[in-house]
Amino acid sequence: GVLPLSRPLLLSPGRHEITLEQGNKKQQESIEIAASRYYELRHSMASGAVVIAGLPSVLLLDSASGDAEAGTLTFERFSAELRSENHTLLPRVDARLPIDGKDPASCLEDRACQIKQGLRAGADVVFRTRLVKQDADILLQVEAIDPKVGEVAASADKRCTGCSTKDA
């Protein structure tokens, strides 16, 4: 192909050889591709440098206080935003597979279980979103959890007065 590529190059997991040619110059680099991950390749023909970096991977866990439709909308909004920022959105953990004998749905309220899901998925960050209905308001809670450290790295709450769960 010709650089820059108009679309991502899809590769199967495993080792690949990347060759870049321009005129009589040629650069080669070997890369190990992990499943469900995005990588960014930068190069300089002048210096001969090739840099390949894995983009941050995110596991998104969401709940909407029993409102499945609102939970789906929240998940779709966050997914689109994360992808637009070049994050690798990891596949959700199969809801049928227990984690330490627990139903994965119960992990939405259990930080240790969320961390284990993140580690199992190979995530750099676990984003946990939650929509909570409080009287006439909707509260959106978001936490960024670092599964390797096992702590919340950041959190935020946003209240929407008079909103439905679909509006939040």
Protein backbone atom coordinates (compact mmCIF):
# COMPACT_ATOMS: atom_id res chain seq x y z
CA GLY A 1 0.00 0.00 0.00
CA VAL A 2 0.83 3.67 0.03
CA LEU A 3 1.36 5.67 3.23
CA PRO A 4 -0.53 7.11 4.90
CA LEU A 5 -3.09 4.32 4.76
CA SER A 6 -6.68 5.49 4.43
CA ARG A 7 -7.88 2.69 6.73
CA PRO A 8 -6.34 0.55 9.44
CA LEU A 9 -4.35 -2.46 8.36
CA LEU A 10 -5.93 -5.56 9.90
CA LEU A 11 -3.48 -8.24 10.97
CA SER A 12 -4.01 -11.58 12.63
CA PRO A 13 -2.39 -12.09 16.04
CA GLY A 14 1.23 -13.25 15.92
CA ARG A 15 4.59 -12.10 14.55
CA HIS A 16 4.67 -9.98 11.38
CA GLU A 17 7.43 -8.34 9.34
CA ILE A 18 6.73 -4.74 8.31
CA THR A 19 8.67 -3.41 5.30
CA LEU A 20 8.65 0.27 4.28
CA GLU A 21 10.19 1.35 0.99
CA GLN A 22 10.77 4.80 -0.48
CA GLY A 23 12.96 5.10 -3.55
CA ASN A 24 16.10 3.10 -2.84
CA LYS A 25 15.60 3.19 0.96
CA LYS A 26 14.11 0.23 2.78
CA GLN A 27 13.18 -0.22 6.43
CA GLN A 28 12.12 -3.47 8.10
CA GLU A 29 10.72 -4.09 11.53
CA SER A 30 9.29 -7.11 13.27
CA ILE A 31 6.17 -6.75 15.40
CA GLU A 32 4.23 -9.10 17.67
CA ILE A 33 0.50 -8.41 17.32
CA ALA A 34 -1.83 -9.28 20.21
CA ALA A 35 -5.49 -10.14 19.61
CA SER A 36 -8.04 -7.29 19.73
CA ARG A 37 -5.39 -4.55 19.95
CA TYR A 38 -4.64 -1.42 17.92
CA TYR A 39 -1.10 -0.30 17.16
CA GLU A 40 0.35 2.88 15.74
CA LEU A 41 3.39 2.79 13.48
CA ARG A 42 5.58 5.86 12.92
CA HIS A 43 8.71 5.96 10.83
CA SER A 44 11.42 8.25 9.54
CA MET A 45 13.23 7.35 6.34
CA ALA A 46 15.87 9.98 7.16
CA SER A 47 16.89 8.39 10.47
CA GLY A 48 15.80 4.82 9.74
CA ALA A 49 13.71 4.79 12.92
CA VAL A 50 10.52 2.73 13.11
CA VAL A 51 8.42 3.06 16.25
CA ILE A 52 5.49 0.73 16.88
CA ALA A 53 3.33 1.51 19.90
CA GLY A 54 0.33 -0.36 21.27
CA LEU A 55 -2.57 2.03 21.86
CA PRO A 56 -4.28 2.00 25.26
CA SER A 57 -6.77 -0.82 25.73
CA VAL A 58 -10.01 -0.25 27.59
CA LEU A 59 -12.55 -2.62 29.08
CA LEU A 60 -15.91 -0.87 29.43
CA LEU A 61 -18.26 -2.11 32.15
CA ASP A 62 -21.65 -0.46 32.37
CA SER A 63 -24.90 -0.61 34.28
CA ALA A 64 -28.07 1.45 34.23
CA SER A 65 -30.02 0.54 37.37
CA GLY A 66 -32.07 -2.11 35.62
CA ASP A 67 -32.73 -0.04 32.47
CA ALA A 68 -31.19 -2.24 29.76
CA GLU A 69 -31.98 0.20 26.94
CA ALA A 70 -30.31 3.11 28.74
CA GLY A 71 -27.33 0.89 29.57
CA THR A 72 -26.97 -0.01 25.90
CA LEU A 73 -27.15 3.67 24.88
CA THR A 74 -24.54 4.61 27.49
CA PHE A 75 -22.26 1.78 26.33
CA GLU A 76 -22.61 2.84 22.68
CA ARG A 77 -21.85 6.51 23.49
CA PHE A 78 -18.76 5.67 25.55
CA SER A 79 -17.59 3.10 22.97
CA ALA A 80 -17.80 5.64 20.14
CA GLU A 81 -15.93 8.25 22.20
CA LEU A 82 -13.16 5.83 23.17
CA ARG A 83 -12.71 4.67 19.57
CA SER A 84 -12.58 8.27 18.34
CA GLU A 85 -9.66 8.80 20.74
CA ASN A 86 -7.84 5.73 19.28
CA HIS A 87 -8.31 3.48 22.28
CA THR A 88 -8.57 -0.25 21.77
CA LEU A 89 -12.00 -1.22 23.08
CA LEU A 90 -11.67 -4.79 24.31
CA PRO A 91 -14.49 -7.30 23.90
CA ARG A 92 -16.70 -7.54 26.94
CA VAL A 93 -16.18 -10.54 29.16
CA ASP A 94 -18.61 -13.31 28.28
CA ALA A 95 -21.56 -12.86 30.65
CA ARG A 96 -21.88 -16.64 30.96
CA LEU A 97 -18.38 -17.16 32.37
CA PRO A 98 -18.19 -16.91 36.15
CA ILE A 99 -15.44 -14.88 37.80
CA ASP A 100 -14.38 -16.45 41.10
CA GLY A 101 -17.72 -18.26 41.14
CA LYS A 102 -19.68 -15.00 40.71
CA ASP A 103 -22.06 -14.02 37.95
CA PRO A 104 -20.17 -11.38 35.84
CA ALA A 105 -23.19 -9.04 36.11
CA SER A 106 -22.59 -8.84 39.87
CA CYS A 107 -19.09 -7.47 39.12
CA LEU A 108 -20.60 -4.08 38.33
CA GLU A 109 -20.73 -3.39 42.07
CA ASP A 110 -17.56 -5.27 43.12
CA ARG A 111 -14.28 -3.43 42.54
CA ALA A 112 -12.09 -6.53 43.08
CA CYS A 113 -14.13 -8.39 40.47
CA GLN A 114 -13.84 -5.42 38.03
CA ILE A 115 -10.07 -5.46 38.47
CA LYS A 116 -9.99 -9.22 37.78
CA GLN A 117 -12.07 -8.71 34.63
CA GLY A 118 -9.62 -6.02 33.49
CA LEU A 119 -6.62 -8.26 34.14
CA ARG A 120 -8.31 -11.22 32.41
CA ALA A 121 -9.01 -9.04 29.34
CA GLY A 122 -5.48 -7.52 29.31
CA ALA A 123 -6.89 -3.99 29.73
CA ASP A 124 -4.76 -0.96 30.52
CA VAL A 125 -7.85 0.75 31.97
CA VAL A 126 -11.30 -0.40 33.09
CA PHE A 127 -14.00 2.24 32.63
CA ARG A 128 -17.03 1.58 34.79
CA THR A 129 -20.12 3.62 33.98
CA ARG A 130 -23.31 3.63 35.96
CA LEU A 131 -26.62 5.44 35.47
CA VAL A 132 -28.59 5.93 38.69
CA LYS A 133 -32.10 7.34 38.88
CA GLN A 134 -32.51 9.65 41.89
CA ASP A 135 -36.02 11.12 42.15
CA ALA A 136 -36.39 13.33 39.02
CA ASP A 137 -32.65 13.28 38.29
CA ILE A 138 -30.27 10.92 36.59
CA LEU A 139 -26.75 10.58 37.93
CA LEU A 140 -23.99 9.35 35.59
CA GLN A 141 -21.03 7.94 37.50
CA VAL A 142 -17.77 7.11 35.72
CA GLU A 143 -14.64 5.51 37.17
CA ALA A 144 -11.33 4.80 35.50
CA ILE A 145 -9.70 1.83 37.23
CA ASP A 146 -6.08 0.79 36.72
CA PRO A 147 -6.25 -3.01 36.94
CA LYS A 148 -2.47 -3.40 37.32
CA VAL A 149 -2.37 -1.06 40.33
CA GLY A 150 -5.78 -2.17 41.57
CA GLU A 151 -7.06 1.34 42.31
CA VAL A 152 -9.43 3.96 40.90
CA ALA A 153 -7.29 6.39 38.89
CA ALA A 154 -10.08 8.95 38.35
CA SER A 155 -13.80 9.33 38.88
CA ALA A 156 -16.54 11.80 38.03
CA ASP A 157 -20.27 12.23 38.59
CA LYS A 158 -22.62 14.24 36.39
CA ARG A 159 -26.21 15.01 37.39
CA CYS A 160 -28.93 15.64 34.82
CA THR A 161 -32.02 17.23 36.39
CA GLY A 162 -35.35 16.23 34.88
CA CYS A 163 -33.71 13.84 32.40
CA SER A 164 -34.74 10.35 31.47
CA THR A 165 -32.10 7.62 31.41
CA LYS A 166 -32.09 7.92 27.59
CA ASP A 167 -31.18 11.64 27.80
CA ALA A 168 -28.30 11.13 30.20
